[in-house]
Structure formats: C-alpha cells, structure tokens
C-alpha atoms as a PDB file:
ATOM      1  CA  MET A   1       1.748  16.172 -15.475  1.00  0.00           C
ATOM      2  CA  THR A   2       1.392  13.603 -18.456  1.00  0.00           C
ATOM      3  CA  LYS A   3      -1.153  11.070 -17.544  1.00  0.00           C
ATOM      4  CA  ARG A   4       0.440   7.920 -15.857  1.00  0.00           C
ATOM      5  CA  THR A   5      -1.096   4.560 -15.159  1.00  0.00           C
ATOM      6  CA  VAL A   6      -0.986   3.705 -11.402  1.00  0.00           C
ATOM      7  CA  LEU A   7      -1.899  -0.054  -9.829  1.00  0.00           C
ATOM      8  CA  ILE A   8      -3.137   0.280  -6.631  1.00  0.00           C
ATOM      9  CA  THR A   9      -3.669  -3.277  -4.160  1.00  0.00           C
ATOM     10  CA  GLY A  10      -6.265  -3.563  -1.940  1.00  0.00           C
ATOM     11  CA  GLY A  11      -7.765  -0.545  -3.747  1.00  0.00           C
ATOM     12  CA  ASN A  12     -11.563  -1.567  -3.303  1.00  0.00           C
ATOM     13  CA  ARG A  13     -12.249   0.382  -0.059  1.00  0.00           C
ATOM     14  CA  GLY A  14     -10.524   2.163   2.822  1.00  0.00           C
ATOM     15  CA  ILE A  15      -6.997   3.550   2.313  1.00  0.00           C
ATOM     16  CA  GLY A  16      -6.540   2.209  -1.049  1.00  0.00           C
ATOM     17  CA  LEU A  17      -9.756   3.747  -2.390  1.00  0.00           C
ATOM     18  CA  ALA A  18      -8.718   6.996  -0.855  1.00  0.00           C
ATOM     19  CA  ILE A  19      -5.428   6.715  -2.782  1.00  0.00           C
ATOM     20  CA  GLY A  20      -7.048   5.675  -6.160  1.00  0.00           C
ATOM     21  CA  LYS A  21      -9.577   8.630  -5.735  1.00  0.00           C
ATOM     22  CA  LYS A  22      -6.597  11.099  -5.223  1.00  0.00           C
ATOM     23  CA  PHE A  23      -4.505  10.280  -7.855  1.00  0.00           C
ATOM     24  CA  SER A  24      -7.665  10.347 -10.376  1.00  0.00           C
ATOM     25  CA  ARG A  25      -8.178  13.575  -9.300  1.00  0.00           C
ATOM     26  CA  GLU A  26      -4.812  14.454 -10.395  1.00  0.00           C
ATOM     27  CA  GLY A  27      -5.486  12.661 -13.850  1.00  0.00           C
ATOM     28  CA  ASP A  28      -4.075   9.844 -13.477  1.00  0.00           C
ATOM     29  CA  ARG A  29      -5.221   6.242 -15.000  1.00  0.00           C
ATOM     30  CA  VAL A  30      -6.164   3.981 -11.617  1.00  0.00           C
ATOM     31  CA  VAL A  31      -5.919   0.273 -12.093  1.00  0.00           C
ATOM     32  CA  LEU A  32      -7.361  -1.473  -8.612  1.00  0.00           C
ATOM     33  CA  LEU A  33      -6.210  -4.740  -7.909  1.00  0.00           C
ATOM     34  CA  ASP A  34      -8.127  -6.628  -4.723  1.00  0.00           C
ATOM     35  CA  LEU A  35      -9.872  -9.779  -3.678  1.00  0.00           C
ATOM     36  CA  PRO A  36     -13.913  -9.221  -4.429  1.00  0.00           C
ATOM     37  CA  ASP A  37     -14.800 -10.167  -7.902  1.00  0.00           C
ATOM     38  CA  GLN A  38     -16.971  -7.407  -8.102  1.00  0.00           C
ATOM     39  CA  PRO A  39     -15.796  -4.265  -7.105  1.00  0.00           C
ATOM     40  CA  SER A  40     -17.832  -1.760  -4.857  1.00  0.00           C
ATOM     41  CA  PRO A  41     -19.847   1.224  -6.483  1.00  0.00           C
ATOM     42  CA  GLU A  42     -17.244   3.632  -5.683  1.00  0.00           C
ATOM     43  CA  ALA A  43     -14.240   1.437  -6.902  1.00  0.00           C
ATOM     44  CA  LEU A  44     -16.325   1.478  -9.822  1.00  0.00           C
ATOM     45  CA  SER A  45     -17.003   5.112 -10.568  1.00  0.00           C
ATOM     46  CA  LEU A  46     -13.402   5.470 -10.063  1.00  0.00           C
ATOM     47  CA  ILE A  47     -12.250   3.164 -12.385  1.00  0.00           C
ATOM     48  CA  ALA A  48     -14.745   4.819 -15.048  1.00  0.00           C
ATOM     49  CA  GLU A  49     -13.826   8.388 -14.004  1.00  0.00           C
ATOM     50  CA  SER A  50      -9.967   7.611 -14.729  1.00  0.00           C
ATOM     51  CA  GLY A  51     -10.165   5.633 -17.759  1.00  0.00           C
ATOM     52  CA  GLY A  52      -8.534   2.398 -15.683  1.00  0.00           C
ATOM     53  CA  GLY A  53      -9.808  -1.010 -14.588  1.00  0.00           C
ATOM     54  CA  TYR A  54     -10.183  -3.258 -11.871  1.00  0.00           C
ATOM     55  CA  PHE A  55      -8.692  -7.057 -11.374  1.00  0.00           C
ATOM     56  CA  SER A  56      -9.474  -9.369  -8.740  1.00  0.00           C
ATOM     57  CA  CYS A  57      -6.606 -11.566  -7.409  1.00  0.00           C
ATOM     58  CA  ASP A  58      -5.122 -13.598  -4.199  1.00  0.00           C
ATOM     59  CA  ILE A  59      -1.597 -11.852  -4.229  1.00  0.00           C
ATOM     60  CA  SER A  60      -0.608 -14.331  -2.178  1.00  0.00           C
ATOM     61  CA  VAL A  61      -0.689 -16.701  -5.135  1.00  0.00           C
ATOM     62  CA  LYS A  62       2.335 -16.296  -7.656  1.00  0.00           C
ATOM     63  CA  SER A  63       0.395 -17.715 -10.812  1.00  0.00           C
ATOM     64  CA  ALA A  64      -2.418 -15.557 -10.007  1.00  0.00           C
ATOM     65  CA  VAL A  65      -0.384 -12.592  -9.647  1.00  0.00           C
ATOM     66  CA  ASP A  66       1.541 -13.515 -12.888  1.00  0.00           C
ATOM     67  CA  SER A  67      -1.382 -13.757 -15.287  1.00  0.00           C
ATOM     68  CA  VAL A  68      -2.776 -10.296 -13.697  1.00  0.00           C
ATOM     69  CA  ILE A  69      -0.054  -8.559 -14.145  1.00  0.00           C
ATOM     70  CA  ALA A  70       0.343  -9.778 -17.853  1.00  0.00           C
ATOM     71  CA  SER A  71      -3.162  -8.966 -18.430  1.00  0.00           C
ATOM     72  CA  ILE A  72      -2.494  -5.610 -17.096  1.00  0.00           C
ATOM     73  CA  PHE A  73       0.595  -4.992 -19.310  1.00  0.00           C
ATOM     74  CA  ASN A  74      -1.550  -5.825 -22.185  1.00  0.00           C
ATOM     75  CA  GLN A  75      -3.908  -3.677 -21.702  1.00  0.00           C
ATOM     76  CA  PHE A  76      -2.460  -0.705 -20.370  1.00  0.00           C
ATOM     77  CA  GLY A  77       1.410  -0.895 -21.817  1.00  0.00           C
ATOM     78  CA  PHE A  78       2.926  -0.371 -18.407  1.00  0.00           C
ATOM     79  CA  ILE A  79       2.971   0.829 -14.860  1.00  0.00           C
ATOM     80  CA  ASP A  80       4.188   4.423 -13.922  1.00  0.00           C
ATOM     81  CA  VAL A  81       3.359   4.046 -10.009  1.00  0.00           C
ATOM     82  CA  ALA A  82       2.600   0.729  -8.036  1.00  0.00           C
ATOM     83  CA  VAL A  83       1.368   1.029  -4.826  1.00  0.00           C
ATOM     84  CA  ASN A  84       1.266  -1.983  -2.623  1.00  0.00           C
ATOM     85  CA  ASN A  85      -1.556  -1.278   0.079  1.00  0.00           C
ATOM     86  CA  ALA A  86      -3.138  -5.016   0.651  1.00  0.00           C
ATOM     87  CA  GLY A  87      -2.712  -5.795   3.859  1.00  0.00           C
ATOM     88  CA  ILE A  88      -4.685  -7.617   6.624  1.00  0.00           C
ATOM     89  CA  LEU A  89      -4.677  -7.377  10.290  1.00  0.00           C
ATOM     90  CA  ARG A  90      -5.620 -10.175  13.093  1.00  0.00           C
ATOM     91  CA  TRP A  91      -5.815  -9.400  16.102  1.00  0.00           C
ATOM     92  CA  ARG A  92      -4.269 -12.088  18.456  1.00  0.00           C
ATOM     93  CA  SER A  93      -1.976 -12.067  21.424  1.00  0.00           C
ATOM     94  CA  PHE A  94       1.269 -13.416  21.100  1.00  0.00           C
ATOM     95  CA  LEU A  95       0.426 -16.550  22.654  1.00  0.00           C
ATOM     96  CA  GLU A  96      -2.592 -16.986  20.765  1.00  0.00           C
ATOM     97  CA  THR A  97      -1.328 -16.254  17.521  1.00  0.00           C
ATOM     98  CA  THR A  98      -1.193 -19.563  15.539  1.00  0.00           C
ATOM     99  CA  GLU A  99       1.114 -20.589  12.819  1.00  0.00           C
ATOM    100  CA  GLU A 100      -1.913 -20.158  10.147  1.00  0.00           C
ATOM    101  CA  ASP A 101      -2.289 -16.509  11.509  1.00  0.00           C
ATOM    102  CA  PHE A 102       1.366 -15.813  10.858  1.00  0.00           C
ATOM    103  CA  ASP A 103       1.512 -17.495   7.579  1.00  0.00           C
ATOM    104  CA  CYS A 104      -1.558 -15.669   6.397  1.00  0.00           C
ATOM    105  CA  THR A 105      -0.676 -12.194   7.164  1.00  0.00           C
ATOM    106  CA  PHE A 106       3.008 -12.625   5.923  1.00  0.00           C
ATOM    107  CA  ASN A 107       1.630 -14.427   2.640  1.00  0.00           C
ATOM    108  CA  VAL A 108      -0.587 -11.299   2.010  1.00  0.00           C
ATOM    109  CA  ASN A 109       1.525  -8.300   3.884  1.00  0.00           C
ATOM    110  CA  VAL A 110       4.988  -9.151   2.451  1.00  0.00           C
ATOM    111  CA  LYS A 111       4.802 -12.160  -0.367  1.00  0.00           C
ATOM    112  CA  GLY A 112       2.191 -10.766  -1.904  1.00  0.00           C
ATOM    113  CA  LEU A 113       3.985  -7.417  -1.922  1.00  0.00           C
ATOM    114  CA  TYR A 114       6.518  -9.060  -3.361  1.00  0.00           C
ATOM    115  CA  LEU A 115       5.170 -10.839  -5.847  1.00  0.00           C
ATOM    116  CA  VAL A 116       3.254  -8.064  -7.418  1.00  0.00           C
ATOM    117  CA  THR A 117       6.330  -5.760  -7.243  1.00  0.00           C
ATOM    118  CA  GLN A 118       8.636  -7.839  -9.160  1.00  0.00           C
ATOM    119  CA  PRO A 119       7.233  -7.978 -12.392  1.00  0.00           C
ATOM    120  CA  ILE A 120       6.305  -4.470 -12.662  1.00  0.00           C
ATOM    121  CA  VAL A 121       9.984  -3.135 -11.772  1.00  0.00           C
ATOM    122  CA  ARG A 122      11.559  -5.405 -14.432  1.00  0.00           C
ATOM    123  CA  GLU A 123       8.894  -3.244 -16.977  1.00  0.00           C
ATOM    124  CA  MET A 124      10.302  -0.264 -15.116  1.00  0.00           C
ATOM    125  CA  VAL A 125      13.505  -1.211 -15.431  1.00  0.00           C
ATOM    126  CA  GLU A 126      13.847  -1.265 -18.988  1.00  0.00           C
ATOM    127  CA  ARG A 127      12.094   2.288 -19.075  1.00  0.00           C
ATOM    128  CA  ARG A 128      14.599   3.228 -16.245  1.00  0.00           C
ATOM    129  CA  GLU A 129      11.698   5.400 -14.562  1.00  0.00           C
ATOM    130  CA  GLY A 130       9.209   4.189 -11.890  1.00  0.00           C
ATOM    131  CA  ALA A 131       7.698   4.945  -8.272  1.00  0.00           C
ATOM    132  CA  ILE A 132       7.354   2.274  -6.022  1.00  0.00           C
ATOM    133  CA  ILE A 133       4.814   2.937  -2.676  1.00  0.00           C
ATOM    134  CA  ASN A 134       4.456   0.320  -0.165  1.00  0.00           C
ATOM    135  CA  ILE A 135       2.107   0.884   2.599  1.00  0.00           C
ATOM    136  CA  ALA A 136       3.624  -0.265   5.982  1.00  0.00           C
ATOM    137  CA  SER A 137       2.451   0.802   9.127  1.00  0.00           C
ATOM    138  CA  MET A 138       3.399   2.904  12.567  1.00  0.00           C
ATOM    139  CA  GLY A 139       3.372  -1.263  13.872  1.00  0.00           C
ATOM    140  CA  GLY A 140       6.594  -1.735  11.969  1.00  0.00           C
ATOM    141  CA  LYS A 141       8.462   0.718  13.865  1.00  0.00           C
ATOM    142  CA  TRP A 142       6.613   0.726  17.280  1.00  0.00           C
ATOM    143  CA  GLY A 143       5.349  -2.446  18.227  1.00  0.00           C
ATOM    144  CA  SER A 144       1.808  -2.911  19.583  1.00  0.00           C
ATOM    145  CA  THR A 145      -0.147  -5.719  21.874  1.00  0.00           C
ATOM    146  CA  LEU A 146      -2.385  -8.109  19.938  1.00  0.00           C
ATOM    147  CA  GLN A 147      -0.627  -7.288  16.644  1.00  0.00           C
ATOM    148  CA  SER A 148       2.484  -9.835  16.626  1.00  0.00           C
ATOM    149  CA  ALA A 149       2.532 -10.986  13.359  1.00  0.00           C
ATOM    150  CA  TYR A 150       1.269  -7.978  11.521  1.00  0.00           C
ATOM    151  CA  CYS A 151       3.760  -5.296  13.494  1.00  0.00           C
ATOM    152  CA  ALA A 152       6.444  -8.192  12.247  1.00  0.00           C
ATOM    153  CA  SER A 153       5.316  -8.251   8.784  1.00  0.00           C
ATOM    154  CA  LYS A 154       4.958  -4.303   8.383  1.00  0.00           C
ATOM    155  CA  ALA A 155       8.925  -4.263   9.848  1.00  0.00           C
ATOM    156  CA  ALA A 156       9.620  -6.159   7.034  1.00  0.00           C
ATOM    157  CA  VAL A 157       7.900  -4.004   4.424  1.00  0.00           C
ATOM    158  CA  ILE A 158       9.600  -1.312   5.539  1.00  0.00           C
ATOM    159  CA  GLU A 159      13.374  -3.214   5.321  1.00  0.00           C
ATOM    160  CA  LEU A 160      12.293  -4.618   1.877  1.00  0.00           C
ATOM    161  CA  THR A 161      11.595  -1.105   0.768  1.00  0.00           C
ATOM    162  CA  LYS A 162      14.614   0.267   1.793  1.00  0.00           C
ATOM    163  CA  VAL A 163      16.453  -2.817   0.026  1.00  0.00           C
ATOM    164  CA  MET A 164      14.559  -1.905  -3.253  1.00  0.00           C
ATOM    165  CA  ALA A 165      15.454   1.800  -2.879  1.00  0.00           C
ATOM    166  CA  MET A 166      19.119   0.705  -3.083  1.00  0.00           C
ATOM    167  CA  GLU A 167      18.795  -1.653  -5.810  1.00  0.00           C
ATOM    168  CA  LEU A 168      16.652   0.205  -8.348  1.00  0.00           C
ATOM    169  CA  GLY A 169      17.904   3.567  -7.174  1.00  0.00           C
ATOM    170  CA  PRO A 170      20.517   3.224 -10.170  1.00  0.00           C
ATOM    171  CA  TYR A 171      17.489   2.544 -12.430  1.00  0.00           C
ATOM    172  CA  ASN A 172      15.871   5.896 -11.864  1.00  0.00           C
ATOM    173  CA  ILE A 173      13.219   3.764  -9.690  1.00  0.00           C
ATOM    174  CA  ARG A 174      12.433   5.290  -6.301  1.00  0.00           C
ATOM    175  CA  ALA A 175      11.017   3.073  -3.554  1.00  0.00           C
ATOM    176  CA  ASN A 176       9.716   4.802  -0.117  1.00  0.00           C
ATOM    177  CA  SER A 177       7.044   2.873   2.690  1.00  0.00           C
ATOM    178  CA  LEU A 178       4.389   4.681   4.222  1.00  0.00           C
ATOM    179  CA  CYS A 179       3.889   4.239   7.802  1.00  0.00           C
ATOM    180  CA  PRO A 180       0.040   5.487   8.866  1.00  0.00           C
ATOM    181  CA  GLY A 181      -0.939   5.918  12.020  1.00  0.00           C
ATOM    182  CA  ILE A 182      -4.503   5.049  13.592  1.00  0.00           C
ATOM    183  CA  ILE A 183      -6.573   5.558  10.691  1.00  0.00           C
ATOM    184  CA  LYS A 184     -10.305   5.469  10.611  1.00  0.00           C
ATOM    185  CA  SER A 185     -10.704   2.626   7.720  1.00  0.00           C
ATOM    186  CA  GLU A 186     -11.709  -0.996   7.544  1.00  0.00           C
ATOM    187  CA  ILE A 187      -8.609  -2.665   8.795  1.00  0.00           C
ATOM    188  CA  GLY A 188      -8.877  -1.552  12.310  1.00  0.00           C
ATOM    189  CA  LYS A 189     -12.951  -1.962  12.538  1.00  0.00           C
ATOM    190  CA  ASP A 190     -12.447  -5.223  14.312  1.00  0.00           C
ATOM    191  CA  SER A 191     -10.173  -3.901  17.104  1.00  0.00           C
ATOM    192  CA  PRO A 192     -10.603  -4.935  20.598  1.00  0.00           C
ATOM    193  CA  ARG A 193      -9.641  -1.186  21.601  1.00  0.00           C
ATOM    194  CA  PRO A 194     -11.957   1.930  20.875  1.00  0.00           C
ATOM    195  CA  ALA A 195     -10.130   3.908  18.390  1.00  0.00           C
ATOM    196  CA  ASP A 196     -10.259   7.379  20.650  1.00  0.00           C
ATOM    197  CA  CYS A 197      -8.085   5.728  23.359  1.00  0.00           C
ATOM    198  CA  TRP A 198      -5.010   7.015  21.162  1.00  0.00           C
ATOM    199  CA  LEU A 199      -6.343  10.718  20.651  1.00  0.00           C
ATOM    200  CA  ASP A 200      -4.217  11.808  23.554  1.00  0.00           C
ATOM    201  CA  LYS A 201      -1.023  10.438  21.853  1.00  0.00           C
ATOM    202  CA  THR A 202      -1.196  12.425  18.931  1.00  0.00           C
ATOM    203  CA  PRO A 203      -0.339  16.508  19.470  1.00  0.00           C
ATOM    204  CA  LEU A 204      -2.799  16.965  16.753  1.00  0.00           C
ATOM    205  CA  GLY A 205      -5.755  15.712  18.384  1.00  0.00           C
ATOM    206  CA  ARG A 206      -7.613  13.614  16.083  1.00  0.00           C
ATOM    207  CA  LEU A 207      -7.489  10.510  14.104  1.00  0.00           C
ATOM    208  CA  GLY A 208      -5.827  10.048  10.959  1.00  0.00           C
ATOM    209  CA  GLN A 209      -8.453   9.782   7.983  1.00  0.00           C
ATOM    210  CA  PRO A 210      -7.873   7.926   4.570  1.00  0.00           C
ATOM    211  CA  GLU A 211      -7.276  11.119   2.978  1.00  0.00           C
ATOM    212  CA  ASP A 212      -4.369  11.672   4.933  1.00  0.00           C
ATOM    213  CA  VAL A 213      -2.560   8.658   3.692  1.00  0.00           C
ATOM    214  CA  ALA A 214      -3.626   9.672   0.081  1.00  0.00           C
ATOM    215  CA  ASP A 215      -2.032  12.861  -0.096  1.00  0.00           C
ATOM    216  CA  VAL A 216       1.392  11.568   1.135  1.00  0.00           C
ATOM    217  CA  ALA A 217       1.166   8.623  -1.343  1.00  0.00           C
ATOM    218  CA  TYR A 218       0.535  11.182  -4.109  1.00  0.00           C
ATOM    219  CA  PHE A 219       3.241  13.341  -3.440  1.00  0.00           C
ATOM    220  CA  LEU A 220       5.765  10.420  -2.928  1.00  0.00           C
ATOM    221  CA  ALA A 221       4.594   9.057  -6.181  1.00  0.00           C
ATOM    222  CA  SER A 222       5.267  12.805  -8.057  1.00  0.00           C
ATOM    223  CA  LYS A 223       8.504  14.909  -9.242  1.00  0.00           C
ATOM    224  CA  ASP A 224       8.337  16.655  -6.064  1.00  0.00           C
ATOM    225  CA  ALA A 225       9.631  13.734  -4.360  1.00  0.00           C
ATOM    226  CA  ARG A 226      12.532  13.229  -7.016  1.00  0.00           C
ATOM    227  CA  TYR A 227      15.288  12.823  -4.326  1.00  0.00           C
ATOM    228  CA  MET A 228      13.404  10.985  -1.954  1.00  0.00           C
ATOM    229  CA  THR A 229      13.921   7.130  -1.974  1.00  0.00           C
ATOM    230  CA  GLY A 230      14.265   4.568   0.771  1.00  0.00           C
ATOM    231  CA  GLN A 231      12.171   6.279   3.480  1.00  0.00           C
ATOM    232  CA  ALA A 232       9.516   5.228   5.834  1.00  0.00           C
ATOM    233  CA  VAL A 233       7.232   8.397   6.087  1.00  0.00           C
ATOM    234  CA  ASN A 234       5.328   8.802   9.106  1.00  0.00           C
ATOM    235  CA  VAL A 235       1.472   9.626   8.538  1.00  0.00           C
ATOM    236  CA  THR A 236       0.728   9.381  12.401  1.00  0.00           C
ATOM    237  CA  GLY A 237      -0.353  13.338  13.533  1.00  0.00           C
ATOM    238  CA  GLY A 238       2.656  12.892  15.494  1.00  0.00           C
ATOM    239  CA  MET A 239       2.185   9.477  17.182  1.00  0.00           C
ATOM    240  CA  ILE A 240       5.488   8.565  16.421  1.00  0.00           C
ATOM    241  CA  MET A 241       8.277  10.891  15.403  1.00  0.00           C
ATOM    242  CA  TYR A 242      11.080   8.505  14.077  1.00  0.00           C
END
C-alpha cells in the first residue's frame, strides 16, 4: 500500500496514540494534533518512526484550526485519512451539568470535529479520495447516567458522520464512526464507577484496550472497507449489538 498521511486528533495518548501506532506499523505517515505544547515521549517516538509531525491546537477555535491545517498541508501536501479522536467527558448528573459543561463538551466533541474535517475534506474532494473516521462512543447509542452532555455529543457525532457519508460519497470519500465501549484509557480515569462493574455486560468477559479500537480504525481506513460508509461500528465486546 502506498504510504499515506494520516491525521489523528487527540493523538498524544490513549486511544488516539494507539491508533497512531497502528497506522505507523503499517507504513503510514502519522500526524498528531493535540493540546499539549510538548508531546509525550511515546508520541515523539511515533512521529519520528513514521516521518510525521506533531501540532498543538485547541480544535474548538476556528482560527487556530485553520492555521494548523494549512501548516500540515504545506508540510505534507495532503491528508489521506482523518481520524477525529479528540474528546472530553465530564462526569455530571443531568441536574448538575452546567452551561459551561455542555458548551465545552460540544465545542470539542462536535464543533472541533467539524472545524478540523471541513478544510481537509475540501482538499479530498479535489483528489476524489479520502477516508474520515470519527470516534463516537457506545454512549452515543446507549445513554448512561452522569454523561448527559457527553452522550448527547457522541450521538451528534454519529449523525454528523452519516450526513458526511451521504454528501461525500459521490467524491469517493468514505466517512464512518467508531463506537468504543468501556476502554481502559485516559478518558475514563475519573469515572465514579469502577471499570470492572461493566464486566458482566460483555459476552467476551473483558474490558477493551486502546489497541482494540485502533485495529478497527485501521480497517475502516483500508481498501478492505471500500464499500463501507455511514456506519457506526461498535467496538464494545458485545455490550451493545445494534
């Protein structure tokens, strides 16, 4: 397979970093986009091995996103695969969720995805090829207590992905979303519930690892998934089956 340029938001750690490692192992050039000005040692190693780069950006700010995407195009020419992984989760009951909680969650999880993807897709349209992978969540299909803003935002990601698929399909651009279940990653570290409480809900009897999500993300970006678009693919160990 010809070496591709793959952009991953929220790629400094957790699921995003695992996805980056998978693409790098398969020979792709990985570009990470995240908030910390200094990438983690693992992220530095990844971009060195793949010949990629690291860019710091608040994806909820349009001017910052436009500047960074222009820099990426200038350095690498184009982006073949965009993986929108950046996201936040604030553990709040519905009654305790503030306007700031709600706005911040949607600004990153939904608006940020839109801001990053739109300029990338404009270039993909010119080349008539590309793949978009949006990391949604099991929570976008199956609501969970203490996650009202998060679940609502991930449901929006799933529906936005469907619209992308419908509108971009004629340009040979595929858009799919991934819906991870309970994954041992940074985003769940502050959960008020122990992770093991979910074990009896999965037929496979274990919690997920970031690598479980990374392998499916790579598949969706590959030619093997050439006839898949608009799908919300579960990676939940069978916790949900729809």
